[in-house]
N, C-alpha and C. Protein backbone atom coordinates (compact mmCIF):
# COMPACT_ATOMS: atom_id res chain seq x y z
N UNK A 1 100.27 107.45 87.00
CA UNK A 1 101.51 106.63 86.73
C UNK A 1 101.99 106.91 85.28
N UNK A 2 103.29 107.04 85.25
CA UNK A 2 103.88 107.32 83.92
C UNK A 2 104.09 105.94 83.19
N UNK A 3 103.77 105.94 81.89
CA UNK A 3 103.95 104.66 81.15
C UNK A 3 105.25 104.69 80.45
N UNK A 4 105.63 103.55 79.87
CA UNK A 4 106.86 103.42 79.13
C UNK A 4 106.66 102.80 77.83
N UNK A 5 107.66 102.68 77.00
CA UNK A 5 107.58 102.12 75.70
C UNK A 5 107.18 100.56 75.89
N UNK A 6 107.51 100.02 76.94
CA UNK A 6 107.28 98.62 77.16
C UNK A 6 105.85 98.43 77.71
N UNK A 7 105.12 99.56 78.00
CA UNK A 7 103.80 99.44 78.63
C UNK A 7 103.87 99.27 80.11
N UNK A 8 105.09 99.17 80.69
CA UNK A 8 105.18 99.05 82.14
C UNK A 8 105.05 100.39 82.78
N UNK A 9 104.34 100.47 83.80
CA UNK A 9 104.12 101.76 84.49
C UNK A 9 105.10 101.89 85.68
N UNK A 10 105.41 103.13 86.00
CA UNK A 10 106.23 103.41 87.22
C UNK A 10 105.13 103.67 88.33
N UNK A 11 105.24 102.70 89.28
CA UNK A 11 104.30 102.83 90.40
C UNK A 11 104.48 104.11 91.19
N UNK A 12 103.36 104.68 91.72
CA UNK A 12 103.46 105.91 92.44
C UNK A 12 104.36 105.82 93.67
N UNK A 13 104.38 104.64 94.24
CA UNK A 13 105.20 104.40 95.48
C UNK A 13 106.62 104.68 95.14
N UNK A 14 107.05 104.40 93.95
CA UNK A 14 108.52 104.68 93.55
C UNK A 14 108.76 106.13 93.58
N UNK A 15 107.82 106.92 93.04
CA UNK A 15 108.00 108.39 93.06
C UNK A 15 108.01 108.98 94.47
N UNK A 16 107.15 108.42 95.26
CA UNK A 16 107.10 108.91 96.69
C UNK A 16 108.39 108.57 97.39
N UNK A 17 108.84 107.31 97.28
CA UNK A 17 110.05 106.93 98.01
C UNK A 17 111.25 107.74 97.42
N UNK A 18 111.31 108.02 96.15
CA UNK A 18 112.33 108.81 95.58
C UNK A 18 112.36 110.18 96.22
N UNK A 19 111.21 110.82 96.34
CA UNK A 19 111.16 112.14 96.97
C UNK A 19 111.68 112.03 98.43
N UNK A 20 111.29 110.94 99.14
CA UNK A 20 111.80 110.82 100.48
C UNK A 20 113.33 110.66 100.51
N UNK A 21 113.74 109.91 99.59
CA UNK A 21 115.21 109.70 99.45
C UNK A 21 115.90 110.97 99.17
N UNK A 22 115.37 111.82 98.30
CA UNK A 22 116.05 113.13 98.03
C UNK A 22 115.95 114.06 99.15
N UNK A 23 114.82 114.21 99.74
CA UNK A 23 114.59 115.26 100.70
C UNK A 23 114.96 114.89 102.19
N UNK A 24 114.48 113.70 102.59
CA UNK A 24 114.65 113.37 104.04
C UNK A 24 116.08 112.78 104.25
N UNK A 25 116.63 112.18 103.24
CA UNK A 25 117.99 111.58 103.39
C UNK A 25 118.12 110.48 104.42
N UNK A 26 116.99 109.89 104.85
CA UNK A 26 117.06 108.80 105.78
C UNK A 26 117.15 107.46 105.03
N UNK A 27 116.87 107.51 103.77
CA UNK A 27 117.00 106.23 102.95
C UNK A 27 118.31 106.34 102.22
N UNK A 28 119.07 105.26 102.30
CA UNK A 28 120.42 105.28 101.73
C UNK A 28 120.42 104.90 100.23
N UNK A 29 119.55 104.11 99.78
CA UNK A 29 119.42 103.79 98.34
C UNK A 29 118.07 103.13 98.11
N UNK A 30 117.69 103.07 96.87
CA UNK A 30 116.54 102.34 96.43
C UNK A 30 116.90 101.35 95.40
N UNK A 31 116.36 100.06 95.50
CA UNK A 31 116.59 99.13 94.40
C UNK A 31 115.18 98.95 93.89
N UNK A 32 115.06 99.08 92.60
CA UNK A 32 113.75 98.98 91.90
C UNK A 32 113.76 97.84 90.89
N UNK A 33 112.59 97.32 90.69
CA UNK A 33 112.47 96.20 89.76
C UNK A 33 111.07 96.06 89.27
N UNK A 34 110.74 94.98 88.56
CA UNK A 34 109.43 94.76 88.03
C UNK A 34 108.58 93.98 88.98
N UNK A 35 107.19 94.38 89.02
CA UNK A 35 106.33 93.58 89.86
C UNK A 35 106.22 92.17 89.22
N UNK A 36 105.68 91.21 89.96
CA UNK A 36 105.56 89.80 89.42
C UNK A 36 104.90 89.76 88.14
N UNK A 37 103.84 90.56 87.96
CA UNK A 37 103.07 90.46 86.68
C UNK A 37 103.67 91.39 85.60
N UNK A 38 104.78 92.01 85.93
CA UNK A 38 105.47 92.94 84.97
C UNK A 38 104.58 94.02 84.57
N UNK A 39 103.63 94.48 85.34
CA UNK A 39 102.79 95.61 84.91
C UNK A 39 103.41 96.95 85.40
N UNK A 40 104.29 96.85 86.40
CA UNK A 40 104.81 98.13 86.92
C UNK A 40 106.22 97.98 87.62
N UNK A 41 106.89 99.07 87.67
CA UNK A 41 108.11 99.15 88.40
C UNK A 41 107.86 99.53 89.84
N UNK A 42 108.43 98.74 90.76
CA UNK A 42 108.19 98.97 92.16
C UNK A 42 109.44 98.97 92.92
N UNK A 43 109.36 99.44 94.19
CA UNK A 43 110.58 99.44 95.04
C UNK A 43 110.70 98.04 95.65
N UNK A 44 111.87 97.46 95.50
CA UNK A 44 112.15 96.11 95.96
C UNK A 44 112.85 96.16 97.28
N UNK A 45 113.76 97.19 97.48
CA UNK A 45 114.55 97.30 98.62
C UNK A 45 114.87 98.70 98.91
N UNK A 46 114.78 99.10 100.18
CA UNK A 46 115.12 100.40 100.62
C UNK A 46 116.26 100.31 101.62
N UNK A 47 117.39 100.88 101.22
CA UNK A 47 118.61 100.81 102.12
C UNK A 47 118.50 101.90 103.20
N UNK A 48 119.11 101.63 104.27
CA UNK A 48 119.17 102.61 105.36
C UNK A 48 120.38 103.48 105.27
N UNK A 49 120.27 104.70 105.63
CA UNK A 49 121.43 105.60 105.74
C UNK A 49 121.99 105.48 107.16
N UNK A 50 123.15 104.79 107.25
CA UNK A 50 123.61 104.52 108.63
C UNK A 50 124.62 105.58 109.10
N UNK A 51 125.33 106.21 108.08
CA UNK A 51 126.35 107.18 108.44
C UNK A 51 125.69 108.54 108.74
N UNK A 52 126.12 109.29 109.76
CA UNK A 52 125.63 110.55 110.01
C UNK A 52 125.96 111.56 108.90
N UNK A 53 125.18 112.67 108.80
CA UNK A 53 125.39 113.67 107.69
C UNK A 53 126.80 114.22 107.59
N UNK A 54 127.48 114.29 108.84
CA UNK A 54 128.86 114.90 108.79
C UNK A 54 129.91 113.85 108.75
N UNK A 55 129.60 112.58 108.52
CA UNK A 55 130.61 111.58 108.35
C UNK A 55 131.38 111.76 107.12
N UNK A 56 132.67 111.21 107.13
CA UNK A 56 133.44 111.35 105.92
C UNK A 56 132.83 110.57 104.71
N UNK A 57 133.21 111.04 103.52
CA UNK A 57 132.62 110.45 102.34
C UNK A 57 132.75 108.84 102.28
N UNK A 58 133.90 108.35 102.75
CA UNK A 58 134.09 106.93 102.67
C UNK A 58 133.10 106.15 103.58
N UNK A 59 132.75 106.75 104.71
CA UNK A 59 131.72 106.09 105.60
C UNK A 59 130.38 106.15 104.94
N UNK A 60 130.07 107.31 104.36
CA UNK A 60 128.72 107.44 103.67
C UNK A 60 128.58 106.54 102.51
N UNK A 61 129.71 106.20 101.87
CA UNK A 61 129.68 105.34 100.67
C UNK A 61 129.67 103.88 100.98
N UNK A 62 129.67 103.58 102.28
CA UNK A 62 129.68 102.07 102.61
C UNK A 62 128.43 101.39 102.15
N UNK A 63 127.34 102.16 102.02
CA UNK A 63 126.08 101.52 101.60
C UNK A 63 126.15 101.12 100.15
N UNK A 64 127.16 101.55 99.38
CA UNK A 64 127.38 101.16 98.01
C UNK A 64 127.47 99.60 97.92
N UNK A 65 128.31 99.06 98.82
CA UNK A 65 128.55 97.56 98.75
C UNK A 65 127.25 96.83 99.09
N UNK A 66 126.46 97.40 100.02
CA UNK A 66 125.19 96.82 100.45
C UNK A 66 124.24 96.82 99.22
N UNK A 67 124.18 97.98 98.51
CA UNK A 67 123.35 98.05 97.36
C UNK A 67 123.75 97.04 96.28
N UNK A 68 125.06 96.84 96.12
CA UNK A 68 125.56 95.86 95.09
C UNK A 68 125.04 94.46 95.43
N UNK A 69 124.97 94.14 96.70
CA UNK A 69 124.48 92.82 97.12
C UNK A 69 123.00 92.59 96.68
N UNK A 70 122.33 93.66 96.47
CA UNK A 70 120.87 93.56 96.15
C UNK A 70 120.64 93.39 94.61
N UNK A 71 121.78 93.49 93.91
CA UNK A 71 121.66 93.28 92.41
C UNK A 71 121.91 91.86 92.03
N UNK A 72 120.81 91.10 91.62
CA UNK A 72 120.96 89.71 91.39
C UNK A 72 121.90 89.36 90.17
N UNK A 73 122.54 88.25 90.23
CA UNK A 73 123.48 87.81 89.20
C UNK A 73 122.68 87.57 87.81
N UNK A 74 121.39 87.27 87.90
CA UNK A 74 120.82 86.81 86.66
C UNK A 74 119.45 87.49 86.39
N UNK A 75 119.24 88.73 86.92
CA UNK A 75 118.02 89.43 86.61
C UNK A 75 118.31 90.93 86.63
N UNK A 76 117.47 91.69 86.03
CA UNK A 76 117.61 93.16 85.88
C UNK A 76 117.08 93.89 87.05
N UNK A 77 117.63 95.03 87.33
CA UNK A 77 117.21 95.95 88.41
C UNK A 77 117.53 97.37 88.00
N UNK A 78 116.96 98.27 88.73
CA UNK A 78 117.38 99.64 88.74
C UNK A 78 117.74 100.02 90.12
N UNK A 79 118.65 100.99 90.25
CA UNK A 79 118.97 101.48 91.64
C UNK A 79 119.18 103.00 91.63
N UNK A 80 118.90 103.63 92.68
CA UNK A 80 119.15 105.06 92.86
C UNK A 80 119.95 105.17 94.17
N UNK A 81 121.04 105.84 94.11
CA UNK A 81 121.88 105.96 95.32
C UNK A 81 122.68 107.23 95.20
N UNK A 82 123.06 107.84 96.27
CA UNK A 82 123.92 108.98 96.18
C UNK A 82 125.33 108.59 96.54
N UNK A 83 126.28 109.25 95.78
CA UNK A 83 127.72 109.00 95.93
C UNK A 83 128.31 110.27 96.52
N UNK A 84 129.21 110.05 97.50
CA UNK A 84 129.85 111.15 98.14
C UNK A 84 131.30 111.19 97.74
N UNK A 85 131.86 112.33 97.52
CA UNK A 85 133.27 112.40 97.20
C UNK A 85 133.83 113.80 97.56
N UNK A 86 135.13 113.88 97.65
CA UNK A 86 135.71 115.12 98.10
C UNK A 86 136.36 115.83 96.86
N UNK A 87 136.19 117.10 96.82
CA UNK A 87 136.89 117.85 95.75
C UNK A 87 137.64 118.99 96.49
N UNK A 88 138.38 119.70 95.63
CA UNK A 88 139.20 120.78 96.31
C UNK A 88 138.26 121.82 96.93
N UNK A 89 136.95 121.89 96.46
CA UNK A 89 136.02 122.88 97.04
C UNK A 89 135.33 122.28 98.24
N UNK A 90 135.58 120.99 98.58
CA UNK A 90 134.93 120.38 99.71
C UNK A 90 134.09 119.14 99.33
N UNK A 91 133.21 118.74 100.19
CA UNK A 91 132.49 117.50 99.93
C UNK A 91 131.36 117.65 98.90
N UNK A 92 131.14 116.69 98.20
CA UNK A 92 129.99 116.72 97.13
C UNK A 92 129.20 115.47 97.29
N UNK A 93 127.98 115.52 96.93
CA UNK A 93 127.07 114.41 96.87
C UNK A 93 126.29 114.44 95.54
N UNK A 94 126.17 113.35 94.85
CA UNK A 94 125.41 113.36 93.59
C UNK A 94 124.60 112.04 93.56
N UNK A 95 123.37 112.17 93.03
CA UNK A 95 122.51 111.05 92.92
C UNK A 95 122.86 110.34 91.55
N UNK A 96 123.00 109.00 91.68
CA UNK A 96 123.19 108.16 90.50
C UNK A 96 122.03 107.28 90.24
N UNK A 97 121.67 107.16 88.96
CA UNK A 97 120.66 106.14 88.52
C UNK A 97 121.39 105.05 87.85
N UNK A 98 121.15 103.84 88.28
CA UNK A 98 121.88 102.66 87.74
C UNK A 98 120.83 101.70 87.09
N UNK A 99 121.12 101.35 85.84
CA UNK A 99 120.34 100.27 85.30
C UNK A 99 121.26 99.03 85.20
N UNK A 100 120.75 97.98 85.76
CA UNK A 100 121.54 96.74 85.98
C UNK A 100 120.92 95.67 85.10
N UNK A 101 121.64 95.26 84.10
CA UNK A 101 121.21 94.19 83.19
C UNK A 101 122.35 93.23 82.93
N UNK A 102 122.51 92.29 83.89
CA UNK A 102 123.70 91.35 83.72
C UNK A 102 123.55 90.46 82.44
N UNK A 103 124.69 90.07 81.93
CA UNK A 103 124.64 89.27 80.71
C UNK A 103 123.84 87.91 80.92
N UNK A 104 123.75 87.42 82.13
CA UNK A 104 123.09 86.19 82.41
C UNK A 104 121.61 86.33 82.51
N UNK A 105 121.09 87.58 82.50
CA UNK A 105 119.61 87.76 82.54
C UNK A 105 119.10 87.33 81.15
N UNK A 106 117.79 87.01 81.07
CA UNK A 106 117.20 86.58 79.84
C UNK A 106 117.14 87.82 78.89
N UNK A 107 117.13 87.54 77.59
CA UNK A 107 117.01 88.55 76.56
C UNK A 107 115.73 89.36 76.83
N UNK A 108 114.70 88.64 77.14
CA UNK A 108 113.37 89.29 77.38
C UNK A 108 113.48 90.34 78.52
N UNK A 109 114.09 89.91 79.68
CA UNK A 109 114.24 90.83 80.82
C UNK A 109 115.17 92.02 80.43
N UNK A 110 116.18 91.75 79.68
CA UNK A 110 117.16 92.84 79.30
C UNK A 110 116.40 93.85 78.42
N UNK A 111 115.55 93.35 77.52
CA UNK A 111 114.82 94.28 76.61
C UNK A 111 113.81 95.01 77.48
N UNK A 112 113.20 94.40 78.42
CA UNK A 112 112.21 95.02 79.33
C UNK A 112 112.92 96.16 80.10
N UNK A 113 114.10 95.84 80.57
CA UNK A 113 114.89 96.86 81.39
C UNK A 113 115.18 98.07 80.52
N UNK A 114 115.65 97.81 79.27
CA UNK A 114 116.02 98.82 78.37
C UNK A 114 114.86 99.67 77.95
N UNK A 115 113.68 99.03 77.63
CA UNK A 115 112.52 99.78 77.17
C UNK A 115 111.81 100.59 78.26
N UNK A 116 111.98 100.19 79.50
CA UNK A 116 111.35 100.84 80.55
C UNK A 116 112.14 101.92 81.22
N UNK A 117 113.43 101.96 80.86
CA UNK A 117 114.39 102.82 81.66
C UNK A 117 114.07 104.28 81.50
N UNK A 118 113.67 104.74 80.30
CA UNK A 118 113.49 106.14 80.11
C UNK A 118 112.21 106.69 80.94
N UNK A 119 111.18 105.86 80.92
CA UNK A 119 109.99 106.25 81.66
C UNK A 119 110.30 106.42 83.13
N UNK A 120 111.22 105.51 83.63
CA UNK A 120 111.57 105.56 85.01
C UNK A 120 112.43 106.82 85.27
N UNK A 121 113.41 107.01 84.40
CA UNK A 121 114.30 108.19 84.56
C UNK A 121 113.47 109.49 84.48
N UNK A 122 112.48 109.53 83.61
CA UNK A 122 111.58 110.72 83.48
C UNK A 122 110.81 110.93 84.77
N UNK A 123 110.44 109.86 85.44
CA UNK A 123 109.52 109.91 86.59
C UNK A 123 110.42 110.39 87.78
N UNK A 124 111.70 110.07 87.75
CA UNK A 124 112.55 110.47 88.90
C UNK A 124 113.32 111.71 88.49
N UNK A 125 112.75 112.83 88.86
CA UNK A 125 113.27 114.12 88.41
C UNK A 125 114.61 114.45 89.08
N UNK A 126 115.50 114.99 88.36
CA UNK A 126 116.70 115.59 88.88
C UNK A 126 117.90 114.75 89.05
N UNK A 127 117.96 113.66 88.29
CA UNK A 127 119.16 112.77 88.39
C UNK A 127 119.91 113.00 87.05
N UNK A 128 121.20 113.48 87.25
CA UNK A 128 122.00 113.74 86.07
C UNK A 128 122.98 112.62 85.71
N UNK A 129 123.23 111.80 86.68
CA UNK A 129 124.25 110.76 86.49
C UNK A 129 123.59 109.36 86.23
N UNK A 130 123.89 108.76 85.07
CA UNK A 130 123.33 107.49 84.76
C UNK A 130 124.43 106.46 84.53
N UNK A 131 124.35 105.36 85.11
CA UNK A 131 125.28 104.25 84.85
C UNK A 131 124.52 103.04 84.33
N UNK A 132 125.13 102.44 83.24
CA UNK A 132 124.59 101.26 82.73
C UNK A 132 125.57 100.09 83.07
N UNK A 133 125.06 99.11 83.75
CA UNK A 133 125.99 98.07 84.18
C UNK A 133 125.56 96.64 83.79
N UNK A 134 126.52 95.86 83.32
CA UNK A 134 126.16 94.48 82.99
C UNK A 134 126.92 93.51 83.91
N UNK A 135 127.90 94.06 84.77
CA UNK A 135 128.56 93.20 85.71
C UNK A 135 129.05 94.08 86.85
N UNK A 136 129.39 93.50 87.98
CA UNK A 136 129.70 94.26 89.18
C UNK A 136 130.92 95.13 88.94
N UNK A 137 131.89 94.69 88.05
CA UNK A 137 133.08 95.50 87.87
C UNK A 137 132.69 96.87 87.16
N UNK A 138 131.51 96.90 86.48
CA UNK A 138 131.02 98.19 85.96
C UNK A 138 130.72 99.23 87.04
N UNK A 139 130.47 98.66 88.24
CA UNK A 139 130.03 99.48 89.30
C UNK A 139 131.11 99.62 90.42
N UNK A 140 132.35 99.74 89.95
CA UNK A 140 133.46 99.99 90.88
C UNK A 140 133.45 101.42 91.37
N UNK A 141 133.12 101.57 92.64
CA UNK A 141 132.87 102.88 93.18
C UNK A 141 134.07 103.85 93.03
N UNK A 142 135.25 103.29 93.33
CA UNK A 142 136.52 104.08 93.26
C UNK A 142 136.65 104.65 91.82
N UNK A 143 136.36 103.81 90.81
CA UNK A 143 136.56 104.18 89.42
C UNK A 143 135.50 105.27 89.07
N UNK A 144 134.34 105.12 89.59
CA UNK A 144 133.24 106.09 89.26
C UNK A 144 133.58 107.42 89.87
N UNK A 145 134.08 107.41 91.07
CA UNK A 145 134.44 108.67 91.78
C UNK A 145 135.63 109.32 91.04
N UNK A 146 136.62 108.51 90.68
CA UNK A 146 137.82 109.12 90.10
C UNK A 146 137.47 109.73 88.80
N UNK A 147 136.52 109.07 88.06
CA UNK A 147 135.98 109.61 86.77
C UNK A 147 135.32 110.98 87.05
N UNK A 148 134.60 111.08 88.16
CA UNK A 148 133.88 112.24 88.51
C UNK A 148 134.76 113.37 88.88
N UNK A 149 135.82 113.08 89.67
CA UNK A 149 136.69 114.13 90.19
C UNK A 149 137.70 114.57 89.20
N UNK A 150 138.07 113.73 88.25
CA UNK A 150 139.19 114.17 87.35
C UNK A 150 138.60 115.04 86.26
N UNK A 151 137.31 115.00 86.05
CA UNK A 151 136.71 115.82 85.00
C UNK A 151 136.55 117.30 85.46
N UNK A 152 136.73 117.50 86.80
CA UNK A 152 136.50 118.83 87.40
C UNK A 152 137.68 119.75 87.11
């Protein structure tokens, strides 16, 4: 288990699920958070991939709204999800790592989220896109995609 500045470990199950998410594609997203005793980061929710591989990007991105529902108004979470979008070269998919620390979460939880984030990111190899969110409007999918496509 990889440790973090906060002393919180990344549970092995997180790394296993992340590999499944990357390779098998049957999992739509992962929502991660702290165990009750705050000793480790664990998988709290595993979303299903309902859209077929050849579905349009909009259908594949429907799970985004589902994932947002799993982010509590007053506590911290991490999430891993892939975003699909169209470019002039065709369809693209990229994995995003989200750290969710709403303003209404306690200072202690927000500090825990911040100090554990790097250990988690290091444990989850191969994610280039990171989003830091404090409110749901930070996670507006259309804005994230337009940001992605206009820089190309």
